Amino acid sequence: MALRRMVEKRVQQVTCIQNSQFNWSNIEMSSLPVFIRSLLLTTVLSFVAPLVLISGIMVSIFLSGYLPGMAGISQAGATIVWNFLATFGSGCPMEGLVTIGLACSFVGALFDTYAFYRNQILHGN
């Protein structure tokens, strides 16, 4: 009985929404603000993703150092990651991290631009 009341209430809500005067199809957005918003979001997320990934790797390496017998392996792993980042940062690991983030954000922006262009061509807008 309760299920029937829930279904009837949902049908009334859907009917009310369908009969409303507001229509989303009347809203037209220029493609430029949509593109800029998409490009900005893609760039920021593409920059942050490798930073989060490398930070997560470093945190897991440091935490594994607290396990018995893993201190040496943890220290070696941290040194390897630190040297890898220093390679991209001209000797400074933090610059290497930012360089990797900037490169990924540039690639993400290029991909988003291509996807937006391709979408415009396919849909004829």
PDB file of N, CA and C in Angstrom:
ATOM      1  N   MET A   1       0.816  -1.189   0.000  1.00  0.00           N
ATOM      2  CA  MET A   1       0.000   0.000   0.000  1.00  0.00           C
ATOM      3  C   MET A   1       0.868   1.265   0.000  1.00  0.00           C
ATOM      4  N   ALA A   2       1.953   1.211   0.777  1.00  0.00           N
ATOM      5  CA  ALA A   2       2.837   2.366   0.843  1.00  0.00           C
ATOM      6  C   ALA A   2       3.534   2.572  -0.499  1.00  0.00           C
ATOM      7  N   LEU A   3       3.865   1.485  -1.168  1.00  0.00           N
ATOM      8  CA  LEU A   3       4.518   1.578  -2.470  1.00  0.00           C
ATOM      9  C   LEU A   3       3.593   2.247  -3.481  1.00  0.00           C
ATOM     10  N   ARG A   4       2.307   1.923  -3.407  1.00  0.00           N
ATOM     11  CA  ARG A   4       1.347   2.520  -4.330  1.00  0.00           C
ATOM     12  C   ARG A   4       1.250   4.029  -4.113  1.00  0.00           C
ATOM     13  N   ARG A   5       1.246   4.469  -2.852  1.00  0.00           N
ATOM     14  CA  ARG A   5       1.195   5.897  -2.555  1.00  0.00           C
ATOM     15  C   ARG A   5       2.455   6.602  -3.061  1.00  0.00           C
ATOM     16  N   MET A   6       3.621   5.945  -2.915  1.00  0.00           N
ATOM     17  CA  MET A   6       4.866   6.544  -3.400  1.00  0.00           C
ATOM     18  C   MET A   6       4.841   6.688  -4.913  1.00  0.00           C
ATOM     19  N   VAL A   7       4.317   5.673  -5.611  1.00  0.00           N
ATOM     20  CA  VAL A   7       4.246   5.729  -7.070  1.00  0.00           C
ATOM     21  C   VAL A   7       3.279   6.822  -7.506  1.00  0.00           C
ATOM     22  N   GLU A   8       2.125   6.935  -6.859  1.00  0.00           N
ATOM     23  CA  GLU A   8       1.162   7.976  -7.212  1.00  0.00           C
ATOM     24  C   GLU A   8       1.738   9.373  -6.966  1.00  0.00           C
ATOM     25  N   LYS A   9       2.485   9.527  -5.867  1.00  0.00           N
ATOM     26  CA  LYS A   9       3.091  10.820  -5.574  1.00  0.00           C
ATOM     27  C   LYS A   9       4.128  11.164  -6.636  1.00  0.00           C
ATOM     28  N   ARG A  10       4.914  10.175  -7.051  1.00  0.00           N
ATOM     29  CA  ARG A  10       5.930  10.408  -8.085  1.00  0.00           C
ATOM     30  C   ARG A  10       5.281  10.767  -9.416  1.00  0.00           C
ATOM     31  N   VAL A  11       4.187  10.110  -9.761  1.00  0.00           N
ATOM     32  CA  VAL A  11       3.480  10.423 -11.004  1.00  0.00           C
ATOM     33  C   VAL A  11       2.945  11.845 -10.959  1.00  0.00           C
ATOM     34  N   GLN A  12       2.437  12.280  -9.815  1.00  0.00           N
ATOM     35  CA  GLN A  12       1.959  13.653  -9.685  1.00  0.00           C
ATOM     36  C   GLN A  12       3.105  14.647  -9.850  1.00  0.00           C
ATOM     37  N   GLN A  13       4.264  14.329  -9.281  1.00  0.00           N
ATOM     38  CA  GLN A  13       5.411  15.218  -9.411  1.00  0.00           C
ATOM     39  C   GLN A  13       5.850  15.336 -10.864  1.00  0.00           C
ATOM     40  N   VAL A  14       5.908  14.212 -11.568  1.00  0.00           N
ATOM     41  CA  VAL A  14       6.316  14.225 -12.969  1.00  0.00           C
ATOM     42  C   VAL A  14       5.309  14.991 -13.806  1.00  0.00           C
ATOM     43  N   THR A  15       4.035  14.804 -13.546  1.00  0.00           N
ATOM     44  CA  THR A  15       2.983  15.516 -14.279  1.00  0.00           C
ATOM     45  C   THR A  15       3.086  17.017 -14.020  1.00  0.00           C
ATOM     46  N   CYS A  16       3.351  17.385 -12.785  1.00  0.00           N
ATOM     47  CA  CYS A  16       3.501  18.802 -12.439  1.00  0.00           C
ATOM     48  C   CYS A  16       4.698  19.405 -13.175  1.00  0.00           C
ATOM     49  N   ILE A  17       5.796  18.674 -13.244  1.00  0.00           N
ATOM     50  CA  ILE A  17       6.984  19.168 -13.940  1.00  0.00           C
ATOM     51  C   ILE A  17       6.717  19.293 -15.428  1.00  0.00           C
ATOM     52  N   GLN A  18       6.014  18.328 -16.005  1.00  0.00           N
ATOM     53  CA  GLN A  18       5.730  18.366 -17.437  1.00  0.00           C
ATOM     54  C   GLN A  18       4.795  19.516 -17.798  1.00  0.00           C
ATOM     55  N   ASN A  19       3.912  19.891 -16.902  1.00  0.00           N
ATOM     56  CA  ASN A  19       2.948  20.954 -17.182  1.00  0.00           C
ATOM     57  C   ASN A  19       3.482  22.347 -16.850  1.00  0.00           C
ATOM     58  N   SER A  20       4.676  22.445 -16.327  1.00  0.00           N
ATOM     59  CA  SER A  20       5.203  23.757 -15.956  1.00  0.00           C
ATOM     60  C   SER A  20       5.518  24.575 -17.208  1.00  0.00           C
ATOM     61  N   GLN A  21       5.608  25.891 -17.023  1.00  0.00           N
ATOM     62  CA  GLN A  21       5.823  26.809 -18.126  1.00  0.00           C
ATOM     63  C   GLN A  21       7.287  26.907 -18.542  1.00  0.00           C
ATOM     64  N   PHE A  22       8.192  26.520 -17.651  1.00  0.00           N
ATOM     65  CA  PHE A  22       9.615  26.643 -17.942  1.00  0.00           C
ATOM     66  C   PHE A  22      10.054  25.522 -18.868  1.00  0.00           C
ATOM     67  N   ASN A  23      10.799  25.897 -19.918  1.00  0.00           N
ATOM     68  CA  ASN A  23      11.254  24.908 -20.890  1.00  0.00           C
ATOM     69  C   ASN A  23      12.756  25.080 -21.095  1.00  0.00           C
ATOM     70  N   TRP A  24      13.513  24.052 -20.801  1.00  0.00           N
ATOM     71  CA  TRP A  24      14.965  24.118 -20.923  1.00  0.00           C
ATOM     72  C   TRP A  24      15.411  24.268 -22.371  1.00  0.00           C
ATOM     73  N   SER A  25      14.616  23.824 -23.316  1.00  0.00           N
ATOM     74  CA  SER A  25      15.028  23.890 -24.716  1.00  0.00           C
ATOM     75  C   SER A  25      15.023  25.322 -25.249  1.00  0.00           C
ATOM     76  N   ASN A  26      14.395  26.246 -24.519  1.00  0.00           N
ATOM     77  CA  ASN A  26      14.383  27.644 -24.959  1.00  0.00           C
ATOM     78  C   ASN A  26      15.675  28.372 -24.614  1.00  0.00           C
ATOM     79  N   ILE A  27      16.476  27.765 -23.776  1.00  0.00           N
ATOM     80  CA  ILE A  27      17.713  28.412 -23.358  1.00  0.00           C
ATOM     81  C   ILE A  27      18.805  28.060 -24.355  1.00  0.00           C
ATOM     82  N   GLU A  28      19.386  29.072 -24.962  1.00  0.00           N
ATOM     83  CA  GLU A  28      20.485  28.857 -25.895  1.00  0.00           C
ATOM     84  C   GLU A  28      21.732  29.475 -25.297  1.00  0.00           C
ATOM     85  N   MET A  29      22.796  28.690 -25.276  1.00  0.00           N
ATOM     86  CA  MET A  29      24.057  29.192 -24.759  1.00  0.00           C
ATOM     87  C   MET A  29      25.039  29.330 -25.904  1.00  0.00           C
ATOM     88  N   SER A  30      25.788  30.382 -25.871  1.00  0.00           N
ATOM     89  CA  SER A  30      26.847  30.541 -26.849  1.00  0.00           C
ATOM     90  C   SER A  30      27.896  29.466 -26.597  1.00  0.00           C
ATOM     91  N   SER A  31      28.540  29.029 -27.645  1.00  0.00           N
ATOM     92  CA  SER A  31      29.511  27.949 -27.479  1.00  0.00           C
ATOM     93  C   SER A  31      30.816  28.438 -26.846  1.00  0.00           C
ATOM     94  N   LEU A  32      31.115  29.726 -26.924  1.00  0.00           N
ATOM     95  CA  LEU A  32      32.364  30.220 -26.359  1.00  0.00           C
ATOM     96  C   LEU A  32      32.420  30.099 -24.832  1.00  0.00           C
ATOM     97  N   PRO A  33      31.406  30.530 -24.073  1.00  0.00           N
ATOM     98  CA  PRO A  33      31.476  30.343 -22.616  1.00  0.00           C
ATOM     99  C   PRO A  33      31.529  28.867 -22.214  1.00  0.00           C
ATOM    100  N   VAL A  34      30.839  28.036 -22.954  1.00  0.00           N
ATOM    101  CA  VAL A  34      30.872  26.603 -22.659  1.00  0.00           C
ATOM    102  C   VAL A  34      32.276  26.069 -22.898  1.00  0.00           C
ATOM    103  N   PHE A  35      32.896  26.492 -23.988  1.00  0.00           N
ATOM    104  CA  PHE A  35      34.249  26.051 -24.305  1.00  0.00           C
ATOM    105  C   PHE A  35      35.253  26.538 -23.266  1.00  0.00           C
ATOM    106  N   ILE A  36      35.156  27.795 -22.870  1.00  0.00           N
ATOM    107  CA  ILE A  36      36.087  28.359 -21.887  1.00  0.00           C
ATOM    108  C   ILE A  36      35.935  27.637 -20.549  1.00  0.00           C
ATOM    109  N   ARG A  37      34.706  27.394 -20.121  1.00  0.00           N
ATOM    110  CA  ARG A  37      34.475  26.688 -18.861  1.00  0.00           C
ATOM    111  C   ARG A  37      35.050  25.277 -18.918  1.00  0.00           C
ATOM    112  N   SER A  38      34.799  24.585 -20.023  1.00  0.00           N
ATOM    113  CA  SER A  38      35.311  23.231 -20.189  1.00  0.00           C
ATOM    114  C   SER A  38      36.835  23.216 -20.225  1.00  0.00           C
ATOM    115  N   LEU A  39      37.418  24.166 -20.934  1.00  0.00           N
ATOM    116  CA  LEU A  39      38.873  24.241 -21.051  1.00  0.00           C
ATOM    117  C   LEU A  39      39.514  24.539 -19.696  1.00  0.00           C
ATOM    118  N   LEU A  40      38.928  25.451 -18.940  1.00  0.00           N
ATOM    119  CA  LEU A  40      39.469  25.791 -17.626  1.00  0.00           C
ATOM    120  C   LEU A  40      39.389  24.601 -16.680  1.00  0.00           C
ATOM    121  N   LEU A  41      38.250  23.946 -16.663  1.00  0.00           N
ATOM    122  CA  LEU A  41      38.079  22.790 -15.788  1.00  0.00           C
ATOM    123  C   LEU A  41      39.028  21.660 -16.168  1.00  0.00           C
ATOM    124  N   THR A  42      39.165  21.400 -17.458  1.00  0.00           N
ATOM    125  CA  THR A  42      40.072  20.351 -17.920  1.00  0.00           C
ATOM    126  C   THR A  42      41.512  20.682 -17.581  1.00  0.00           C
ATOM    127  N   THR A  43      41.899  21.916 -17.752  1.00  0.00           N
ATOM    128  CA  THR A  43      43.270  22.327 -17.461  1.00  0.00           C
ATOM    129  C   THR A  43      43.591  22.171 -15.978  1.00  0.00           C
ATOM    130  N   VAL A  44      42.686  22.619 -15.135  1.00  0.00           N
ATOM    131  CA  VAL A  44      42.923  22.523 -13.689  1.00  0.00           C
ATOM    132  C   VAL A  44      42.982  21.058 -13.251  1.00  0.00           C
ATOM    133  N   LEU A  45      42.035  20.259 -13.701  1.00  0.00           N
ATOM    134  CA  LEU A  45      42.033  18.845 -13.309  1.00  0.00           C
ATOM    135  C   LEU A  45      43.234  18.097 -13.871  1.00  0.00           C
ATOM    136  N   SER A  46      43.651  18.439 -15.077  1.00  0.00           N
ATOM    137  CA  SER A  46      44.825  17.794 -15.662  1.00  0.00           C
ATOM    138  C   SER A  46      46.105  18.204 -14.948  1.00  0.00           C
ATOM    139  N   PHE A  47      46.130  19.379 -14.359  1.00  0.00           N
ATOM    140  CA  PHE A  47      47.288  19.808 -13.578  1.00  0.00           C
ATOM    141  C   PHE A  47      47.314  19.104 -12.221  1.00  0.00           C
ATOM    142  N   VAL A  48      46.156  18.990 -11.601  1.00  0.00           N
ATOM    143  CA  VAL A  48      46.086  18.442 -10.251  1.00  0.00           C
ATOM    144  C   VAL A  48      46.252  16.919 -10.236  1.00  0.00           C
ATOM    145  N   ALA A  49      45.794  16.232 -11.276  1.00  0.00           N
ATOM    146  CA  ALA A  49      45.818  14.768 -11.282  1.00  0.00           C
ATOM    147  C   ALA A  49      47.214  14.178 -11.081  1.00  0.00           C
ATOM    148  N   PRO A  50      48.249  14.599 -11.823  1.00  0.00           N
ATOM    149  CA  PRO A  50      49.565  14.005 -11.569  1.00  0.00           C
ATOM    150  C   PRO A  50      50.143  14.407 -10.209  1.00  0.00           C
ATOM    151  N   LEU A  51      49.796  15.594  -9.711  1.00  0.00           N
ATOM    152  CA  LEU A  51      50.261  15.993  -8.398  1.00  0.00           C
ATOM    153  C   LEU A  51      49.683  15.078  -7.322  1.00  0.00           C
ATOM    154  N   VAL A  52      48.393  14.781  -7.441  1.00  0.00           N
ATOM    155  CA  VAL A  52      47.741  13.888  -6.484  1.00  0.00           C
ATOM    156  C   VAL A  52      48.312  12.475  -6.605  1.00  0.00           C
ATOM    157  N   LEU A  53      48.536  12.013  -7.824  1.00  0.00           N
ATOM    158  CA  LEU A  53      49.072  10.674  -8.034  1.00  0.00           C
ATOM    159  C   LEU A  53      50.475  10.533  -7.435  1.00  0.00           C
ATOM    160  N   ILE A  54      51.351  11.464  -7.739  1.00  0.00           N
ATOM    161  CA  ILE A  54      52.718  11.385  -7.222  1.00  0.00           C
ATOM    162  C   ILE A  54      52.738  11.593  -5.706  1.00  0.00           C
ATOM    163  N   SER A  55      51.902  12.476  -5.207  1.00  0.00           N
ATOM    164  CA  SER A  55      51.815  12.670  -3.753  1.00  0.00           C
ATOM    165  C   SER A  55      51.313  11.403  -3.073  1.00  0.00           C
ATOM    166  N   GLY A  56      50.339  10.745  -3.674  1.00  0.00           N
ATOM    167  CA  GLY A  56      49.835   9.490  -3.120  1.00  0.00           C
ATOM    168  C   GLY A  56      50.897   8.407  -3.108  1.00  0.00           C
ATOM    169  N   ILE A  57      51.696   8.359  -4.167  1.00  0.00           N
ATOM    170  CA  ILE A  57      52.793   7.386  -4.214  1.00  0.00           C
ATOM    171  C   ILE A  57      53.805   7.689  -3.099  1.00  0.00           C
ATOM    172  N   MET A  58      54.138   8.948  -2.933  1.00  0.00           N
ATOM    173  CA  MET A  58      55.110   9.313  -1.890  1.00  0.00           C
ATOM    174  C   MET A  58      54.565   9.021  -0.486  1.00  0.00           C
ATOM    175  N   VAL A  59      53.308   9.311  -0.257  1.00  0.00           N
ATOM    176  CA  VAL A  59      52.712   9.046   1.058  1.00  0.00           C
ATOM    177  C   VAL A  59      52.705   7.544   1.334  1.00  0.00           C
ATOM    178  N   SER A  60      52.336   6.747   0.325  1.00  0.00           N
ATOM    179  CA  SER A  60      52.315   5.296   0.543  1.00  0.00           C
ATOM    180  C   SER A  60      53.726   4.755   0.777  1.00  0.00           C
ATOM    181  N   ILE A  61      54.718   5.320   0.107  1.00  0.00           N
ATOM    182  CA  ILE A  61      56.103   4.889   0.339  1.00  0.00           C
ATOM    183  C   ILE A  61      56.537   5.255   1.763  1.00  0.00           C
ATOM    184  N   PHE A  62      56.218   6.469   2.191  1.00  0.00           N
ATOM    185  CA  PHE A  62      56.613   6.875   3.541  1.00  0.00           C
ATOM    186  C   PHE A  62      55.883   6.067   4.602  1.00  0.00           C
ATOM    187  N   LEU A  63      54.600   5.779   4.390  1.00  0.00           N
ATOM    188  CA  LEU A  63      53.853   4.990   5.365  1.00  0.00           C
ATOM    189  C   LEU A  63      54.333   3.541   5.407  1.00  0.00           C
ATOM    190  N   SER A  64      54.783   3.031   4.270  1.00  0.00           N
ATOM    191  CA  SER A  64      55.287   1.658   4.274  1.00  0.00           C
ATOM    192  C   SER A  64      56.588   1.561   5.070  1.00  0.00           C
ATOM    193  N   GLY A  65      57.258   2.671   5.293  1.00  0.00           N
ATOM    194  CA  GLY A  65      58.475   2.681   6.104  1.00  0.00           C
ATOM    195  C   GLY A  65      58.218   2.360   7.559  1.00  0.00           C
ATOM    196  N   TYR A  66      56.978   2.486   8.022  1.00  0.00           N
ATOM    197  CA  TYR A  66      56.648   2.170   9.403  1.00  0.00           C
ATOM    198  C   TYR A  66      56.396   0.684   9.607  1.00  0.00           C
ATOM    199  N   LEU A  67      56.303  -0.077   8.541  1.00  0.00           N
ATOM    200  CA  LEU A  67      56.142  -1.519   8.668  1.00  0.00           C
ATOM    201  C   LEU A  67      57.496  -2.139   9.025  1.00  0.00           C
ATOM    202  N   PRO A  68      57.488  -3.169   9.849  1.00  0.00           N
ATOM    203  CA  PRO A  68      58.758  -3.794  10.244  1.00  0.00           C
ATOM    204  C   PRO A  68      59.507  -4.364   9.036  1.00  0.00           C
ATOM    205  N   GLY A  69      60.747  -3.998   8.915  1.00  0.00           N
ATOM    206  CA  GLY A  69      61.602  -4.502   7.856  1.00  0.00           C
ATOM    207  C   GLY A  69      61.471  -3.776   6.530  1.00  0.00           C
ATOM    208  N   MET A  70      60.651  -2.773   6.450  1.00  0.00           N
ATOM    209  CA  MET A  70      60.422  -2.070   5.191  1.00  0.00           C
ATOM    210  C   MET A  70      61.079  -0.695   5.150  1.00  0.00           C
ATOM    211  N   ALA A  71      61.804  -0.329   6.182  1.00  0.00           N
ATOM    212  CA  ALA A  71      62.391   1.015   6.246  1.00  0.00           C
ATOM    213  C   ALA A  71      63.391   1.245   5.119  1.00  0.00           C
ATOM    214  N   GLY A  72      64.233   0.263   4.848  1.00  0.00           N
ATOM    215  CA  GLY A  72      65.228   0.417   3.786  1.00  0.00           C
ATOM    216  C   GLY A  72      64.595   0.496   2.413  1.00  0.00           C
ATOM    217  N   ILE A  73      63.600  -0.352   2.175  1.00  0.00           N
ATOM    218  CA  ILE A  73      62.906  -0.348   0.885  1.00  0.00           C
ATOM    219  C   ILE A  73      62.139   0.956   0.707  1.00  0.00           C
ATOM    220  N   SER A  74      61.546   1.437   1.783  1.00  0.00           N
ATOM    221  CA  SER A  74      60.802   2.700   1.730  1.00  0.00           C
ATOM    222  C   SER A  74      61.732   3.862   1.415  1.00  0.00           C
ATOM    223  N   GLN A  75      62.879   3.880   2.049  1.00  0.00           N
ATOM    224  CA  GLN A  75      63.842   4.959   1.807  1.00  0.00           C
ATOM    225  C   GLN A  75      64.368   4.905   0.377  1.00  0.00           C
ATOM    226  N   ALA A  76      64.621   3.716  -0.139  1.00  0.00           N
ATOM    227  CA  ALA A  76      65.094   3.573  -1.520  1.00  0.00           C
ATOM    228  C   ALA A  76      64.015   4.019  -2.510  1.00  0.00           C
ATOM    229  N   GLY A  77      62.763   3.648  -2.236  1.00  0.00           N
ATOM    230  CA  GLY A  77      61.658   4.059  -3.109  1.00  0.00           C
ATOM    231  C   GLY A  77      61.472   5.559  -3.127  1.00  0.00           C
ATOM    232  N   ALA A  78      61.576   6.171  -1.950  1.00  0.00           N
ATOM    233  CA  ALA A  78      61.445   7.631  -1.874  1.00  0.00           C
ATOM    234  C   ALA A  78      62.573   8.323  -2.628  1.00  0.00           C
ATOM    235  N   THR A  79      63.765   7.764  -2.537  1.00  0.00           N
ATOM    236  CA  THR A  79      64.909   8.342  -3.263  1.00  0.00           C
ATOM    237  C   THR A  79      64.715   8.226  -4.769  1.00  0.00           C
ATOM    238  N   ILE A  80      64.185   7.102  -5.215  1.00  0.00           N
ATOM    239  CA  ILE A  80      63.940   6.918  -6.653  1.00  0.00           C
ATOM    240  C   ILE A  80      62.925   7.934  -7.168  1.00  0.00           C
ATOM    241  N   VAL A  81      61.819   8.094  -6.443  1.00  0.00           N
ATOM    242  CA  VAL A  81      60.792   9.057  -6.865  1.00  0.00           C
ATOM    243  C   VAL A  81      61.353  10.473  -6.804  1.00  0.00           C
ATOM    244  N   TRP A  82      62.115  10.786  -5.755  1.00  0.00           N
ATOM    245  CA  TRP A  82      62.692  12.122  -5.602  1.00  0.00           C
ATOM    246  C   TRP A  82      63.649  12.431  -6.750  1.00  0.00           C
ATOM    247  N   ASN A  83      64.484  11.448  -7.124  1.00  0.00           N
ATOM    248  CA  ASN A  83      65.416  11.643  -8.243  1.00  0.00           C
ATOM    249  C   ASN A  83      64.681  11.770  -9.577  1.00  0.00           C
ATOM    250  N   PHE A  84      63.594  11.019  -9.728  1.00  0.00           N
ATOM    251  CA  PHE A  84      62.775  11.126 -10.939  1.00  0.00           C
ATOM    252  C   PHE A  84      62.217  12.533 -11.076  1.00  0.00           C
ATOM    253  N   LEU A  85      61.697  13.083  -9.993  1.00  0.00           N
ATOM    254  CA  LEU A  85      61.143  14.440 -10.035  1.00  0.00           C
ATOM    255  C   LEU A  85      62.246  15.470 -10.246  1.00  0.00           C
ATOM    256  N   ALA A  86      63.405  15.237  -9.662  1.00  0.00           N
ATOM    257  CA  ALA A  86      64.524  16.170  -9.831  1.00  0.00           C
ATOM    258  C   ALA A  86      65.003  16.195 -11.274  1.00  0.00           C
ATOM    259  N   THR A  87      64.853  15.082 -11.990  1.00  0.00           N
ATOM    260  CA  THR A  87      65.244  15.034 -13.397  1.00  0.00           C
ATOM    261  C   THR A  87      64.433  16.034 -14.222  1.00  0.00           C
ATOM    262  N   PHE A  88      63.147  16.129 -13.937  1.00  0.00           N
ATOM    263  CA  PHE A  88      62.289  17.039 -14.690  1.00  0.00           C
ATOM    264  C   PHE A  88      62.354  18.470 -14.176  1.00  0.00           C
ATOM    265  N   GLY A  89      62.934  18.666 -13.003  1.00  0.00           N
ATOM    266  CA  GLY A  89      62.980  20.003 -12.427  1.00  0.00           C
ATOM    267  C   GLY A  89      64.358  20.609 -12.373  1.00  0.00           C
ATOM    268  N   SER A  90      65.269  20.147 -13.188  1.00  0.00           N
ATOM    269  CA  SER A  90      66.645  20.663 -13.218  1.00  0.00           C
ATOM    270  C   SER A  90      67.298  20.600 -11.842  1.00  0.00           C
ATOM    271  N   GLY A  91      67.085  19.498 -11.156  1.00  0.00           N
ATOM    272  CA  GLY A  91      67.696  19.296  -9.850  1.00  0.00           C
ATOM    273  C   GLY A  91      66.781  19.560  -8.679  1.00  0.00           C
ATOM    274  N   CYS A  92      65.659  20.206  -8.891  1.00  0.00           N
ATOM    275  CA  CYS A  92      64.720  20.505  -7.811  1.00  0.00           C
ATOM    276  C   CYS A  92      63.456  19.643  -7.984  1.00  0.00           C
ATOM    277  N   PRO A  93      63.178  18.754  -7.042  1.00  0.00           N
ATOM    278  CA  PRO A  93      62.020  17.865  -7.185  1.00  0.00           C
ATOM    279  C   PRO A  93      60.676  18.599  -7.255  1.00  0.00           C
ATOM    280  N   MET A  94      60.549  19.695  -6.515  1.00  0.00           N
ATOM    281  CA  MET A  94      59.275  20.422  -6.558  1.00  0.00           C
ATOM    282  C   MET A  94      59.053  21.064  -7.924  1.00  0.00           C
ATOM    283  N   GLU A  95      60.123  21.571  -8.535  1.00  0.00           N
ATOM    284  CA  GLU A  95      60.001  22.108  -9.892  1.00  0.00           C
ATOM    285  C   GLU A  95      59.649  21.000 -10.873  1.00  0.00           C
ATOM    286  N   GLY A  96      60.186  19.809 -10.636  1.00  0.00           N
ATOM    287  CA  GLY A  96      59.851  18.666 -11.482  1.00  0.00           C
ATOM    288  C   GLY A  96      58.380  18.307 -11.372  1.00  0.00           C
ATOM    289  N   LEU A  97      57.844  18.367 -10.161  1.00  0.00           N
ATOM    290  CA  LEU A  97      56.427  18.085  -9.951  1.00  0.00           C
ATOM    291  C   LEU A  97      55.559  19.105 -10.678  1.00  0.00           C
ATOM    292  N   VAL A  98      55.928  20.373 -10.594  1.00  0.00           N
ATOM    293  CA  VAL A  98      55.175  21.432 -11.289  1.00  0.00           C
ATOM    294  C   VAL A  98      55.328  21.279 -12.807  1.00  0.00           C
ATOM    295  N   THR A  99      56.514  20.908 -13.273  1.00  0.00           N
ATOM    296  CA  THR A  99      56.726  20.715 -14.709  1.00  0.00           C
ATOM    297  C   THR A  99      55.855  19.590 -15.248  1.00  0.00           C
ATOM    298  N   ILE A 100      55.790  18.487 -14.521  1.00  0.00           N
ATOM    299  CA  ILE A 100      54.933  17.373 -14.945  1.00  0.00           C
ATOM    300  C   ILE A 100      53.478  17.808 -14.941  1.00  0.00           C
ATOM    301  N   GLY A 101      53.066  18.556 -13.910  1.00  0.00           N
ATOM    302  CA  GLY A 101      51.691  19.054 -13.848  1.00  0.00           C
ATOM    303  C   GLY A 101      51.359  19.984 -15.001  1.00  0.00           C
ATOM    304  N   LEU A 102      52.283  20.880 -15.340  1.00  0.00           N
ATOM    305  CA  LEU A 102      52.051  21.808 -16.456  1.00  0.00           C
ATOM    306  C   LEU A 102      51.985  21.065 -17.794  1.00  0.00           C
ATOM    307  N   ALA A 103      52.851  20.079 -17.967  1.00  0.00           N
ATOM    308  CA  ALA A 103      52.815  19.301 -19.210  1.00  0.00           C
ATOM    309  C   ALA A 103      51.507  18.549 -19.344  1.00  0.00           C
ATOM    310  N   CYS A 104      51.047  17.950 -18.254  1.00  0.00           N
ATOM    311  CA  CYS A 104      49.767  17.228 -18.303  1.00  0.00           C
ATOM    312  C   CYS A 104      48.606  18.188 -18.534  1.00  0.00           C
ATOM    313  N   SER A 105      48.667  19.366 -17.951  1.00  0.00           N
ATOM    314  CA  SER A 105      47.578  20.315 -18.155  1.00  0.00           C
ATOM    315  C   SER A 105      47.556  20.822 -19.593  1.00  0.00           C
ATOM    316  N   PHE A 106      48.723  20.991 -20.203  1.00  0.00           N
ATOM    317  CA  PHE A 106      48.791  21.403 -21.599  1.00  0.00           C
ATOM    318  C   PHE A 106      48.205  20.323 -22.511  1.00  0.00           C
ATOM    319  N   VAL A 107      48.564  19.078 -22.251  1.00  0.00           N
ATOM    320  CA  VAL A 107      48.023  17.968 -23.044  1.00  0.00           C
ATOM    321  C   VAL A 107      46.509  17.852 -22.848  1.00  0.00           C
ATOM    322  N   GLY A 108      46.042  18.035 -21.610  1.00  0.00           N
ATOM    323  CA  GLY A 108      44.604  18.000 -21.345  1.00  0.00           C
ATOM    324  C   GLY A 108      43.867  19.116 -22.073  1.00  0.00           C
ATOM    325  N   ALA A 109      44.464  20.314 -22.107  1.00  0.00           N
ATOM    326  CA  ALA A 109      43.843  21.440 -22.817  1.00  0.00           C
ATOM    327  C   ALA A 109      43.795  21.171 -24.318  1.00  0.00           C
ATOM    328  N   LEU A 110      44.872  20.602 -24.855  1.00  0.00           N
ATOM    329  CA  LEU A 110      44.866  20.259 -26.281  1.00  0.00           C
ATOM    330  C   LEU A 110      43.795  19.221 -26.600  1.00  0.00           C
ATOM    331  N   PHE A 111      43.673  18.227 -25.747  1.00  0.00           N
ATOM    332  CA  PHE A 111      42.666  17.195 -25.966  1.00  0.00           C
ATOM    333  C   PHE A 111      41.256  17.775 -25.869  1.00  0.00           C
ATOM    334  N   ASP A 112      41.026  18.645 -24.889  1.00  0.00           N
ATOM    335  CA  ASP A 112      39.707  19.249 -24.743  1.00  0.00           C
ATOM    336  C   ASP A 112      39.370  20.125 -25.944  1.00  0.00           C
ATOM    337  N   THR A 113      40.356  20.861 -26.440  1.00  0.00           N
ATOM    338  CA  THR A 113      40.140  21.694 -27.630  1.00  0.00           C
ATOM    339  C   THR A 113      39.785  20.826 -28.830  1.00  0.00           C
ATOM    340  N   TYR A 114      40.512  19.728 -29.002  1.00  0.00           N
ATOM    341  CA  TYR A 114      40.214  18.814 -30.109  1.00  0.00           C
ATOM    342  C   TYR A 114      38.819  18.210 -29.962  1.00  0.00           C
ATOM    343  N   ALA A 115      38.471  17.775 -28.755  1.00  0.00           N
ATOM    344  CA  ALA A 115      37.160  17.159 -28.535  1.00  0.00           C
ATOM    345  C   ALA A 115      36.044  18.168 -28.792  1.00  0.00           C
ATOM    346  N   PHE A 116      36.238  19.417 -28.371  1.00  0.00           N
ATOM    347  CA  PHE A 116      35.221  20.441 -28.602  1.00  0.00           C
ATOM    348  C   PHE A 116      35.070  20.720 -30.091  1.00  0.00           C
ATOM    349  N   TYR A 117      36.193  20.849 -30.782  1.00  0.00           N
ATOM    350  CA  TYR A 117      36.170  21.083 -32.228  1.00  0.00           C
ATOM    351  C   TYR A 117      35.483  19.920 -32.941  1.00  0.00           C
ATOM    352  N   ARG A 118      35.838  18.714 -32.557  1.00  0.00           N
ATOM    353  CA  ARG A 118      35.259  17.519 -33.189  1.00  0.00           C
ATOM    354  C   ARG A 118      33.747  17.459 -32.934  1.00  0.00           C
ATOM    355  N   ASN A 119      33.335  17.821 -31.741  1.00  0.00           N
ATOM    356  CA  ASN A 119      31.912  17.834 -31.420  1.00  0.00           C
ATOM    357  C   ASN A 119      31.178  18.866 -32.270  1.00  0.00           C
ATOM    358  N   GLN A 120      31.788  20.029 -32.491  1.00  0.00           N
ATOM    359  CA  GLN A 120      31.159  21.060 -33.319  1.00  0.00           C
ATOM    360  C   GLN A 120      31.022  20.588 -34.755  1.00  0.00           C
ATOM    361  N   ILE A 121      32.037  19.898 -35.264  1.00  0.00           N
ATOM    362  CA  ILE A 121      31.994  19.414 -36.641  1.00  0.00           C
ATOM    363  C   ILE A 121      30.923  18.327 -36.795  1.00  0.00           C
ATOM    364  N   LEU A 122      30.872  17.410 -35.855  1.00  0.00           N
ATOM    365  CA  LEU A 122      29.927  16.288 -35.962  1.00  0.00           C
ATOM    366  C   LEU A 122      28.475  16.732 -35.836  1.00  0.00           C
ATOM    367  N   HIS A 123      28.235  17.702 -34.973  1.00  0.00           N
ATOM    368  CA  HIS A 123      26.862  18.131 -34.744  1.00  0.00           C
ATOM    369  C   HIS A 123      26.456  19.336 -35.583  1.00  0.00           C
ATOM    370  N   GLY A 124      27.367  19.876 -36.352  1.00  0.00           N
ATOM    371  CA  GLY A 124      27.059  20.946 -37.286  1.00  0.00           C
ATOM    372  C   GLY A 124      26.706  22.266 -36.648  1.00  0.00           C
ATOM    373  N   ASN A 125      27.209  22.543 -35.469  1.00  0.00           N
ATOM    374  CA  ASN A 125      26.921  23.820 -34.789  1.00  0.00           C
ATOM    375  C   ASN A 125      27.967  24.835 -35.134  1.00  0.00           C
TER     376      ASN A 125
END
